[in-house]
Protein backbone atom coordinates (compact mmCIF):
# COMPACT_ATOMS: atom_id res chain seq x y z
CA MET A 1 -55.39 63.04 48.22
CA ILE A 2 -58.10 65.46 49.28
CA SER A 3 -61.69 64.28 49.05
CA SER A 4 -64.30 66.47 47.37
CA GLN A 5 -67.03 65.16 49.66
CA PRO A 6 -67.77 67.08 52.85
CA SER A 7 -66.85 65.24 56.01
CA LYS A 8 -69.68 63.85 58.07
CA PRO A 9 -70.03 65.27 61.56
CA SER A 10 -69.30 62.82 64.33
CA VAL A 11 -72.17 61.36 66.35
CA GLY A 12 -71.27 63.58 69.30
CA ASP A 13 -71.72 66.67 67.12
CA GLN A 14 -75.27 65.81 66.07
CA PRO A 15 -78.13 67.19 68.14
CA ASP A 16 -80.55 64.68 69.65
CA ALA A 17 -83.39 64.21 67.15
CA ARG A 18 -85.92 63.47 69.88
CA ARG A 19 -88.58 66.09 70.44
CA ALA A 20 -88.92 65.56 74.20
CA LYS A 21 -86.83 64.26 77.07
CA ARG A 22 -87.51 60.63 78.00
CA GLU A 23 -88.07 59.35 81.51
CA ARG A 24 -87.01 55.82 82.42
CA THR A 25 -89.98 53.99 83.91
CA PHE A 26 -91.32 50.57 84.78
CA LEU A 27 -95.04 51.20 84.46
CA PRO A 28 -97.67 48.56 83.73
CA ALA A 29 -99.84 49.48 80.77
CA ARG A 30 -102.47 47.95 78.53
CA ILE A 31 -102.83 48.29 74.80
CA SER A 32 -106.08 47.60 72.98
CA PHE A 33 -107.31 47.61 69.41
CA GLY A 34 -110.10 46.18 67.31
CA GLU A 35 -112.77 48.23 69.09
CA GLY A 36 -111.30 47.04 72.41
CA ALA A 37 -111.80 43.36 71.52
CA LEU A 38 -108.05 42.65 71.56
CA LYS A 39 -106.00 43.63 74.60
CA ALA A 40 -102.48 42.96 75.79
CA ASP A 41 -100.51 43.97 78.85
CA CYS A 42 -97.14 45.63 78.41
CA VAL A 43 -94.56 47.58 80.41
CA VAL A 44 -93.60 51.18 79.60
CA THR A 45 -89.82 51.40 79.97
CA GLN A 46 -89.38 54.95 78.67
CA LEU A 47 -91.94 57.72 78.64
CA SER A 48 -92.06 61.24 77.26
CA PRO A 49 -94.90 63.67 76.58
CA THR A 50 -94.84 62.63 72.91
CA GLY A 51 -94.34 58.86 73.07
CA ALA A 52 -93.03 55.78 74.81
CA ARG A 53 -90.96 52.66 74.50
CA ILE A 54 -92.83 49.55 75.59
CA ASN A 55 -91.85 45.98 76.33
CA LEU A 56 -94.43 43.63 74.83
CA ALA A 57 -94.34 39.91 74.07
CA ALA A 58 -92.96 39.46 70.56
CA ALA A 59 -95.88 37.13 69.79
CA VAL A 60 -98.36 40.02 70.11
CA ALA A 61 -98.98 41.59 66.70
CA LEU A 62 -99.54 45.33 66.79
CA PRO A 63 -101.49 47.35 64.23
CA ASP A 64 -100.24 50.73 63.02
CA ARG A 65 -102.53 52.53 65.49
CA PHE A 66 -103.95 51.38 68.82
CA ASN A 67 -105.04 52.62 72.25
CA ILE A 68 -102.73 52.62 75.24
CA ALA A 69 -103.64 53.14 78.88
CA ILE A 70 -101.07 53.83 81.60
CA PRO A 71 -103.20 53.93 84.78
CA GLN A 72 -100.45 55.11 87.15
CA ARG A 73 -100.07 58.25 85.03
CA GLY A 74 -103.78 58.67 84.30
CA LEU A 75 -103.00 58.44 80.60
CA ALA A 76 -105.30 56.90 78.00
CA CYS A 77 -104.71 57.85 74.38
CA ARG A 78 -104.24 56.71 70.79
CA ALA A 79 -100.75 55.76 69.74
CA LYS A 80 -98.94 55.11 66.48
CA LEU A 81 -96.39 52.31 66.14
CA VAL A 82 -93.08 53.86 65.04
CA TRP A 83 -90.76 50.86 65.28
CA ARG A 84 -90.70 47.28 66.55
CA LYS A 85 -87.81 44.93 67.33
CA ASP A 86 -88.47 41.63 69.10
CA ASP A 87 -90.21 42.44 72.39
CA LEU A 88 -89.60 46.20 72.23
CA ALA A 89 -91.68 48.80 70.42
CA GLY A 90 -91.49 52.55 70.06
CA LEU A 91 -94.67 54.52 69.80
CA GLU A 92 -95.79 58.07 69.32
CA PHE A 93 -98.83 59.44 71.11
CA ASP A 94 -101.49 60.88 68.82
CA GLN A 95 -102.01 64.35 70.22
CA THR A 96 -105.18 64.88 68.20
CA GLU A 97 -107.09 61.78 69.33
CA SER A 98 -107.70 60.98 72.95
CA VAL A 99 -109.41 57.97 74.41
CA ALA A 100 -111.91 58.43 77.18
CA ALA A 101 -110.28 57.68 80.51
CA PRO A 102 -111.86 54.88 82.51
CA THR A 103 -114.77 56.15 84.55
CA THR A 104 -115.52 55.42 88.18
CA GLN A 105 -118.25 53.09 86.95
CA ASP A 106 -115.65 51.17 84.86
CA ALA A 107 -113.35 50.97 87.88
CA ASN A 108 -116.17 49.73 90.13
CA GLU A 109 -117.12 47.12 87.55
CA ARG A 110 -113.51 45.95 87.36
CA ILE A 111 -113.35 45.75 91.18
CA ARG A 112 -116.50 43.58 91.20
CA GLU A 113 -114.96 41.29 88.54
CA LEU A 114 -111.75 40.95 90.54
CA GLU A 115 -113.64 40.29 93.79
CA ALA A 116 -115.64 37.53 92.06
CA ALA A 117 -112.44 36.00 90.68
CA ASN A 118 -110.86 36.24 94.13
CA ALA A 119 -113.84 34.46 95.74
CA LYS A 120 -113.65 31.69 93.12
CA LEU A 121 -109.93 31.22 93.74
CA ARG A 122 -110.47 31.11 97.52
CA SER A 123 -113.10 28.41 96.99
CA GLN A 124 -110.71 26.40 94.83
CA VAL A 125 -107.94 26.72 97.42
CA ALA A 126 -110.31 25.53 100.17
CA GLU A 127 -111.31 22.54 98.03
CA LEU A 128 -107.68 21.65 97.36
CA MET A 129 -106.82 21.99 101.04
CA ALA A 130 -109.67 19.60 101.88
CA GLN A 131 -108.36 17.10 99.31
CA VAL A 132 -104.86 17.30 100.76
CA GLN A 133 -106.27 16.80 104.26
CA ARG A 134 -108.16 13.68 103.13
CA LEU A 135 -105.05 12.26 101.43
CA THR A 136 -102.81 12.84 104.44
CA ASP A 137 -105.36 11.45 106.95
CA GLY A 138 -106.04 8.28 104.90
């Protein structure tokens, strides 16, 4: 019997619906929302000029729109959540809204914060080493 419905083209016959070619990456990134009050680190596993796929802890709730910064690419922009499954999320970059890239002043401030944290950790390590020394000498 002949069907009156047109046959569906096979998957191989369909053109790729993506607007831009994706690049496989392993880039650290940071998302932020709530006026920058909430931040989370993530990893960009695919990147294109129009969007990205990120790996993000499933416990982190994402709003519909947020900021994303990918320092190694000098990218800081608004993004829209397109899909989410477990620890993966697809997002589209908002081409009309950009986020100010970190300034040299921001970078210098971050360096000072990290140097202070480093000094504190070195102090804690020295204290622990002294405690171990006392325990092994006693």
